Amino acid sequence: MIQRVQTIWMILAAIAVFLTLQFPFYSGTLAADNSYYILNATNHNFLLLILTSALGTGIVIDIFLYKTRKIQMRIIIIAILLECLIIFLYFRQLSQFSSGNFALWSVFHLLILIFLILAAKGIYKDSKLIKESNRLR
């Protein structure tokens, strides 16, 4: 399990996902009442909290499905789509702000996508290697 490079990418993605629960994505002044607000997955946004938690849990479960590469690849593709949806929801929430800045931690969402894509490439190479070895038998 740990010998495969995609396991490392999935562990890094899961760590980054769970860190995004704690650290902010954006901070600034709300347009409605001019109060300072920090946007992250846990602040008054239940949908982002559920989706982010589901993404992290799905990635952790996917690490242990190393014997079934088809299912593992499907879960990784779903995780990539889910992360794209999470980023879309964050950017949709930015319309509520009159001014503000992206936090340094918002880079984690880009890293999650990169780690998941690298894990998908590793799973694909693994399944291709298994098919070639079965063909030689």
N, C-alpha and C. Protein backbone atom coordinates (compact mmCIF):
# COMPACT_ATOMS: atom_id res chain seq x y z
N MET A 1 0.83 -1.18 0.00
CA MET A 1 0.00 0.00 0.00
C MET A 1 0.88 1.25 0.00
N ILE A 2 1.78 1.39 0.95
CA ILE A 2 2.57 2.60 1.05
C ILE A 2 3.69 2.63 0.00
N GLN A 3 4.00 1.50 -0.63
CA GLN A 3 5.05 1.46 -1.61
C GLN A 3 4.64 2.16 -2.92
N ARG A 4 3.37 2.30 -3.13
CA ARG A 4 2.89 2.90 -4.37
C ARG A 4 2.86 4.41 -4.23
N VAL A 5 3.28 5.10 -5.28
CA VAL A 5 3.41 6.55 -5.22
C VAL A 5 2.05 7.24 -5.11
N GLN A 6 1.00 6.62 -5.66
CA GLN A 6 -0.31 7.25 -5.57
C GLN A 6 -0.84 7.29 -4.13
N THR A 7 -0.37 6.38 -3.30
CA THR A 7 -0.76 6.42 -1.90
C THR A 7 -0.20 7.68 -1.23
N ILE A 8 1.02 8.01 -1.57
CA ILE A 8 1.63 9.24 -1.03
C ILE A 8 0.82 10.45 -1.47
N TRP A 9 0.44 10.50 -2.76
CA TRP A 9 -0.33 11.64 -3.27
C TRP A 9 -1.69 11.73 -2.58
N MET A 10 -2.32 10.58 -2.34
CA MET A 10 -3.62 10.60 -1.67
C MET A 10 -3.50 11.02 -0.20
N ILE A 11 -2.43 10.60 0.47
CA ILE A 11 -2.21 11.03 1.86
C ILE A 11 -2.01 12.53 1.91
N LEU A 12 -1.20 13.07 1.00
CA LEU A 12 -0.99 14.51 0.97
C LEU A 12 -2.28 15.27 0.66
N ALA A 13 -3.10 14.73 -0.25
CA ALA A 13 -4.38 15.37 -0.57
C ALA A 13 -5.31 15.34 0.63
N ALA A 14 -5.36 14.22 1.34
CA ALA A 14 -6.23 14.12 2.52
C ALA A 14 -5.79 15.09 3.62
N ILE A 15 -4.49 15.22 3.82
CA ILE A 15 -3.99 16.17 4.82
C ILE A 15 -4.37 17.59 4.43
N ALA A 16 -4.20 17.92 3.15
CA ALA A 16 -4.54 19.27 2.68
C ALA A 16 -6.04 19.53 2.82
N VAL A 17 -6.88 18.52 2.54
CA VAL A 17 -8.33 18.69 2.67
C VAL A 17 -8.70 18.99 4.13
N PHE A 18 -8.15 18.22 5.05
CA PHE A 18 -8.50 18.43 6.45
C PHE A 18 -7.92 19.74 6.99
N LEU A 19 -6.82 20.21 6.43
CA LEU A 19 -6.29 21.51 6.83
C LEU A 19 -7.17 22.66 6.33
N THR A 20 -7.85 22.47 5.20
CA THR A 20 -8.73 23.53 4.70
C THR A 20 -9.95 23.72 5.60
N LEU A 21 -10.25 22.74 6.42
CA LEU A 21 -11.34 22.93 7.38
C LEU A 21 -10.98 23.97 8.43
N GLN A 22 -9.71 24.06 8.75
CA GLN A 22 -9.28 24.96 9.81
C GLN A 22 -8.85 26.34 9.30
N PHE A 23 -8.16 26.38 8.19
CA PHE A 23 -7.58 27.63 7.72
C PHE A 23 -8.51 28.36 6.76
N PRO A 24 -8.42 29.70 6.71
CA PRO A 24 -9.35 30.48 5.87
C PRO A 24 -9.00 30.42 4.39
N PHE A 25 -10.02 30.62 3.57
CA PHE A 25 -9.86 30.72 2.12
C PHE A 25 -9.80 32.19 1.72
N TYR A 26 -10.61 33.01 2.37
CA TYR A 26 -10.73 34.43 2.03
C TYR A 26 -11.13 35.18 3.28
N SER A 27 -10.68 36.40 3.40
CA SER A 27 -11.10 37.24 4.52
C SER A 27 -11.30 38.65 4.01
N GLY A 28 -12.34 39.27 4.53
CA GLY A 28 -12.64 40.62 4.08
C GLY A 28 -13.88 41.17 4.73
N THR A 29 -14.36 42.28 4.17
CA THR A 29 -15.52 42.99 4.68
C THR A 29 -16.77 42.56 3.92
N LEU A 30 -17.79 42.17 4.66
CA LEU A 30 -19.06 41.79 4.04
C LEU A 30 -19.76 43.03 3.50
N ALA A 31 -20.40 42.90 2.37
CA ALA A 31 -21.11 44.02 1.76
C ALA A 31 -22.38 44.37 2.52
N ALA A 32 -23.01 43.39 3.14
CA ALA A 32 -24.30 43.60 3.80
C ALA A 32 -24.20 44.48 5.05
N ASP A 33 -23.24 44.20 5.93
CA ASP A 33 -23.19 44.94 7.19
C ASP A 33 -21.81 45.49 7.54
N ASN A 34 -20.89 45.51 6.60
CA ASN A 34 -19.54 46.06 6.78
C ASN A 34 -18.79 45.44 7.96
N SER A 35 -19.05 44.18 8.25
CA SER A 35 -18.31 43.50 9.31
C SER A 35 -17.21 42.66 8.69
N TYR A 36 -16.14 42.46 9.44
CA TYR A 36 -15.02 41.65 8.98
C TYR A 36 -15.39 40.18 9.12
N TYR A 37 -15.11 39.40 8.09
CA TYR A 37 -15.55 38.00 8.05
C TYR A 37 -14.44 37.16 7.45
N ILE A 38 -14.26 35.98 7.99
CA ILE A 38 -13.29 35.01 7.47
C ILE A 38 -14.07 33.87 6.85
N LEU A 39 -13.77 33.58 5.58
CA LEU A 39 -14.47 32.52 4.86
C LEU A 39 -13.63 31.25 4.89
N ASN A 40 -14.16 30.23 5.55
CA ASN A 40 -13.59 28.88 5.47
C ASN A 40 -14.74 27.89 5.52
N ALA A 41 -14.44 26.62 5.51
CA ALA A 41 -15.49 25.61 5.40
C ALA A 41 -16.34 25.49 6.66
N THR A 42 -15.85 25.97 7.78
CA THR A 42 -16.59 25.78 9.02
C THR A 42 -17.41 27.00 9.45
N ASN A 43 -17.22 28.14 8.84
CA ASN A 43 -17.93 29.36 9.24
C ASN A 43 -19.28 29.48 8.55
N HIS A 44 -20.34 29.10 9.22
CA HIS A 44 -21.71 29.34 8.78
C HIS A 44 -22.02 28.82 7.38
N ASN A 45 -21.29 27.86 6.90
CA ASN A 45 -21.56 27.30 5.59
C ASN A 45 -21.57 25.78 5.71
N PHE A 46 -22.75 25.25 5.97
CA PHE A 46 -22.90 23.83 6.24
C PHE A 46 -22.59 22.97 5.01
N LEU A 47 -22.95 23.45 3.82
CA LEU A 47 -22.70 22.68 2.59
C LEU A 47 -21.21 22.51 2.36
N LEU A 48 -20.42 23.57 2.53
CA LEU A 48 -18.98 23.46 2.36
C LEU A 48 -18.37 22.53 3.40
N LEU A 49 -18.88 22.58 4.60
CA LEU A 49 -18.39 21.70 5.66
C LEU A 49 -18.65 20.24 5.32
N ILE A 50 -19.85 19.93 4.88
CA ILE A 50 -20.20 18.54 4.53
C ILE A 50 -19.39 18.06 3.33
N LEU A 51 -19.29 18.88 2.28
CA LEU A 51 -18.56 18.47 1.08
C LEU A 51 -17.07 18.29 1.35
N THR A 52 -16.48 19.18 2.14
CA THR A 52 -15.06 19.07 2.45
C THR A 52 -14.79 17.85 3.32
N SER A 53 -15.64 17.60 4.29
CA SER A 53 -15.48 16.41 5.14
C SER A 53 -15.66 15.13 4.33
N ALA A 54 -16.63 15.12 3.43
CA ALA A 54 -16.86 13.94 2.58
C ALA A 54 -15.67 13.71 1.65
N LEU A 55 -15.11 14.79 1.13
CA LEU A 55 -13.94 14.65 0.26
C LEU A 55 -12.76 14.05 1.00
N GLY A 56 -12.46 14.57 2.18
CA GLY A 56 -11.35 14.03 2.96
C GLY A 56 -11.56 12.59 3.37
N THR A 57 -12.76 12.27 3.80
CA THR A 57 -13.07 10.89 4.19
C THR A 57 -13.00 9.95 3.00
N GLY A 58 -13.50 10.39 1.85
CA GLY A 58 -13.44 9.57 0.64
C GLY A 58 -12.02 9.28 0.20
N ILE A 59 -11.15 10.28 0.32
CA ILE A 59 -9.75 10.07 -0.06
C ILE A 59 -9.07 9.09 0.90
N VAL A 60 -9.36 9.21 2.19
CA VAL A 60 -8.76 8.30 3.17
C VAL A 60 -9.25 6.87 2.93
N ILE A 61 -10.52 6.70 2.65
CA ILE A 61 -11.05 5.36 2.35
C ILE A 61 -10.43 4.82 1.07
N ASP A 62 -10.22 5.71 0.09
CA ASP A 62 -9.67 5.30 -1.21
C ASP A 62 -8.24 4.78 -1.08
N ILE A 63 -7.52 5.21 -0.08
CA ILE A 63 -6.15 4.73 0.12
C ILE A 63 -6.15 3.22 0.37
N PHE A 64 -7.16 2.72 1.07
CA PHE A 64 -7.20 1.31 1.43
C PHE A 64 -7.86 0.42 0.37
N LEU A 65 -8.25 0.99 -0.75
CA LEU A 65 -8.82 0.21 -1.85
C LEU A 65 -7.78 -0.08 -2.92
N TYR A 66 -6.55 -0.33 -2.52
CA TYR A 66 -5.47 -0.49 -3.48
C TYR A 66 -5.56 -1.77 -4.29
N LYS A 67 -6.37 -2.72 -3.87
CA LYS A 67 -6.50 -3.96 -4.64
C LYS A 67 -7.53 -3.85 -5.75
N THR A 68 -8.43 -2.90 -5.66
CA THR A 68 -9.46 -2.71 -6.69
C THR A 68 -9.22 -1.37 -7.37
N ARG A 69 -8.39 -1.41 -8.40
CA ARG A 69 -7.98 -0.17 -9.07
C ARG A 69 -9.10 0.53 -9.79
N LYS A 70 -10.08 -0.21 -10.33
CA LYS A 70 -11.20 0.43 -11.02
C LYS A 70 -12.01 1.29 -10.07
N ILE A 71 -12.33 0.76 -8.91
CA ILE A 71 -13.10 1.51 -7.92
C ILE A 71 -12.26 2.68 -7.40
N GLN A 72 -10.97 2.43 -7.21
CA GLN A 72 -10.09 3.48 -6.72
C GLN A 72 -10.03 4.64 -7.73
N MET A 73 -9.97 4.33 -9.01
CA MET A 73 -9.93 5.37 -10.04
C MET A 73 -11.25 6.14 -10.09
N ARG A 74 -12.37 5.43 -9.95
CA ARG A 74 -13.67 6.12 -9.94
C ARG A 74 -13.79 7.08 -8.76
N ILE A 75 -13.32 6.65 -7.60
CA ILE A 75 -13.40 7.51 -6.43
C ILE A 75 -12.49 8.73 -6.60
N ILE A 76 -11.33 8.55 -7.20
CA ILE A 76 -10.43 9.69 -7.44
C ILE A 76 -11.07 10.67 -8.40
N ILE A 77 -11.73 10.19 -9.45
CA ILE A 77 -12.39 11.09 -10.40
C ILE A 77 -13.53 11.84 -9.71
N ILE A 78 -14.29 11.14 -8.88
CA ILE A 78 -15.36 11.80 -8.11
C ILE A 78 -14.76 12.84 -7.16
N ALA A 79 -13.61 12.52 -6.56
CA ALA A 79 -12.95 13.46 -5.65
C ALA A 79 -12.48 14.70 -6.39
N ILE A 80 -11.97 14.54 -7.59
CA ILE A 80 -11.54 15.69 -8.40
C ILE A 80 -12.74 16.57 -8.73
N LEU A 81 -13.85 15.95 -9.13
CA LEU A 81 -15.06 16.73 -9.43
C LEU A 81 -15.61 17.42 -8.19
N LEU A 82 -15.56 16.74 -7.05
CA LEU A 82 -16.03 17.31 -5.80
C LEU A 82 -15.17 18.51 -5.37
N GLU A 83 -13.87 18.40 -5.58
CA GLU A 83 -12.98 19.52 -5.25
C GLU A 83 -13.26 20.72 -6.17
N CYS A 84 -13.53 20.45 -7.44
CA CYS A 84 -13.91 21.54 -8.35
C CYS A 84 -15.21 22.20 -7.89
N LEU A 85 -16.16 21.41 -7.42
CA LEU A 85 -17.41 21.97 -6.90
C LEU A 85 -17.16 22.81 -5.64
N ILE A 86 -16.28 22.37 -4.78
CA ILE A 86 -15.96 23.12 -3.57
C ILE A 86 -15.32 24.46 -3.93
N ILE A 87 -14.40 24.45 -4.88
CA ILE A 87 -13.78 25.71 -5.32
C ILE A 87 -14.82 26.63 -5.92
N PHE A 88 -15.74 26.08 -6.72
CA PHE A 88 -16.82 26.89 -7.29
C PHE A 88 -17.68 27.52 -6.20
N LEU A 89 -18.00 26.75 -5.16
CA LEU A 89 -18.82 27.29 -4.07
C LEU A 89 -18.09 28.38 -3.30
N TYR A 90 -16.79 28.22 -3.12
CA TYR A 90 -16.03 29.29 -2.48
C TYR A 90 -16.08 30.57 -3.31
N PHE A 91 -15.84 30.45 -4.61
CA PHE A 91 -15.85 31.64 -5.46
C PHE A 91 -17.25 32.25 -5.56
N ARG A 92 -18.27 31.44 -5.46
CA ARG A 92 -19.63 31.99 -5.46
C ARG A 92 -19.90 32.80 -4.20
N GLN A 93 -19.29 32.42 -3.09
CA GLN A 93 -19.46 33.15 -1.84
C GLN A 93 -18.73 34.48 -1.85
N LEU A 94 -17.76 34.66 -2.73
CA LEU A 94 -16.99 35.90 -2.77
C LEU A 94 -17.84 37.10 -3.19
N SER A 95 -18.98 36.87 -3.82
CA SER A 95 -19.83 37.99 -4.22
C SER A 95 -20.45 38.70 -3.01
N GLN A 96 -20.43 38.08 -1.85
CA GLN A 96 -20.98 38.70 -0.64
C GLN A 96 -20.01 39.71 -0.02
N PHE A 97 -18.76 39.72 -0.47
CA PHE A 97 -17.75 40.60 0.11
C PHE A 97 -17.63 41.88 -0.71
N SER A 98 -17.44 43.00 -0.01
CA SER A 98 -17.19 44.25 -0.71
C SER A 98 -15.70 44.45 -0.95
N SER A 99 -14.87 43.97 -0.03
CA SER A 99 -13.42 44.01 -0.21
C SER A 99 -12.80 42.91 0.64
N GLY A 100 -11.58 42.54 0.27
CA GLY A 100 -10.89 41.50 1.03
C GLY A 100 -9.73 40.92 0.26
N ASN A 101 -9.12 39.94 0.85
CA ASN A 101 -7.94 39.29 0.26
C ASN A 101 -8.07 37.78 0.37
N PHE A 102 -7.46 37.10 -0.60
CA PHE A 102 -7.34 35.65 -0.51
C PHE A 102 -6.29 35.33 0.54
N ALA A 103 -6.56 34.32 1.32
CA ALA A 103 -5.59 33.88 2.32
C ALA A 103 -4.54 33.01 1.64
N LEU A 104 -3.40 32.93 2.26
CA LEU A 104 -2.32 32.09 1.74
C LEU A 104 -2.77 30.62 1.67
N TRP A 105 -3.65 30.25 2.58
CA TRP A 105 -4.11 28.86 2.68
C TRP A 105 -5.04 28.47 1.54
N SER A 106 -5.50 29.41 0.75
CA SER A 106 -6.37 29.07 -0.38
C SER A 106 -5.61 28.27 -1.44
N VAL A 107 -4.29 28.30 -1.37
CA VAL A 107 -3.46 27.52 -2.30
C VAL A 107 -3.66 26.03 -2.07
N PHE A 108 -4.10 25.65 -0.87
CA PHE A 108 -4.33 24.24 -0.59
C PHE A 108 -5.32 23.61 -1.56
N HIS A 109 -6.30 24.37 -2.00
CA HIS A 109 -7.29 23.82 -2.92
C HIS A 109 -6.67 23.49 -4.28
N LEU A 110 -5.74 24.29 -4.72
CA LEU A 110 -5.01 23.97 -5.95
C LEU A 110 -4.12 22.75 -5.74
N LEU A 111 -3.48 22.68 -4.58
CA LEU A 111 -2.64 21.52 -4.28
C LEU A 111 -3.45 20.23 -4.20
N ILE A 112 -4.65 20.31 -3.66
CA ILE A 112 -5.51 19.12 -3.59
C ILE A 112 -5.78 18.60 -5.00
N LEU A 113 -6.13 19.51 -5.91
CA LEU A 113 -6.38 19.09 -7.29
C LEU A 113 -5.14 18.46 -7.92
N ILE A 114 -3.99 19.07 -7.71
CA ILE A 114 -2.74 18.52 -8.28
C ILE A 114 -2.44 17.15 -7.69
N PHE A 115 -2.58 17.00 -6.37
CA PHE A 115 -2.31 15.70 -5.74
C PHE A 115 -3.27 14.63 -6.24
N LEU A 116 -4.53 14.97 -6.42
CA LEU A 116 -5.50 13.98 -6.90
C LEU A 116 -5.23 13.59 -8.34
N ILE A 117 -4.83 14.54 -9.17
CA ILE A 117 -4.49 14.22 -10.56
C ILE A 117 -3.25 13.33 -10.62
N LEU A 118 -2.25 13.63 -9.80
CA LEU A 118 -1.06 12.78 -9.75
C LEU A 118 -1.40 11.38 -9.23
N ALA A 119 -2.31 11.27 -8.28
CA ALA A 119 -2.73 9.95 -7.80
C ALA A 119 -3.45 9.18 -8.90
N ALA A 120 -4.29 9.88 -9.67
CA ALA A 120 -4.99 9.22 -10.78
C ALA A 120 -4.00 8.72 -11.82
N LYS A 121 -2.97 9.50 -12.09
CA LYS A 121 -1.94 9.05 -13.04
C LYS A 121 -1.22 7.81 -12.51
N GLY A 122 -0.94 7.78 -11.21
CA GLY A 122 -0.28 6.61 -10.61
C GLY A 122 -1.16 5.38 -10.66
N ILE A 123 -2.45 5.53 -10.41
CA ILE A 123 -3.38 4.40 -10.48
C ILE A 123 -3.46 3.88 -11.91
N TYR A 124 -3.50 4.80 -12.88
CA TYR A 124 -3.56 4.40 -14.28
C TYR A 124 -2.31 3.64 -14.68
N LYS A 125 -1.14 4.11 -14.26
CA LYS A 125 0.11 3.41 -14.57
C LYS A 125 0.13 2.03 -13.93
N ASP A 126 -0.38 1.93 -12.71
CA ASP A 126 -0.44 0.64 -12.01
C ASP A 126 -1.32 -0.36 -12.77
N SER A 127 -2.51 0.10 -13.17
CA SER A 127 -3.41 -0.81 -13.87
C SER A 127 -2.86 -1.19 -15.23
N LYS A 128 -2.17 -0.28 -15.88
CA LYS A 128 -1.55 -0.58 -17.17
C LYS A 128 -0.43 -1.62 -17.00
N LEU A 129 0.36 -1.48 -15.93
CA LEU A 129 1.42 -2.44 -15.64
C LEU A 129 0.85 -3.82 -15.35
N ILE A 130 -0.24 -3.88 -14.61
CA ILE A 130 -0.87 -5.17 -14.30
C ILE A 130 -1.41 -5.82 -15.57
N LYS A 131 -2.03 -5.04 -16.44
CA LYS A 131 -2.55 -5.59 -17.70
C LYS A 131 -1.41 -6.12 -18.57
N GLU A 132 -0.30 -5.42 -18.63
CA GLU A 132 0.84 -5.88 -19.43
C GLU A 132 1.45 -7.14 -18.84
N SER A 133 1.53 -7.24 -17.52
CA SER A 133 2.09 -8.43 -16.90
C SER A 133 1.15 -9.63 -17.07
N ASN A 134 -0.16 -9.39 -17.07
CA ASN A 134 -1.10 -10.48 -17.31
C ASN A 134 -1.06 -10.95 -18.76
N ARG A 135 -0.77 -10.03 -19.65
CA ARG A 135 -0.69 -10.38 -21.07
C ARG A 135 0.54 -11.26 -21.34
N LEU A 136 1.60 -11.04 -20.60
CA LEU A 136 2.83 -11.82 -20.81
C LEU A 136 2.75 -13.22 -20.23
N ARG A 137 1.80 -13.48 -19.37
CA ARG A 137 1.68 -14.82 -18.75
C ARG A 137 1.15 -15.80 -19.68
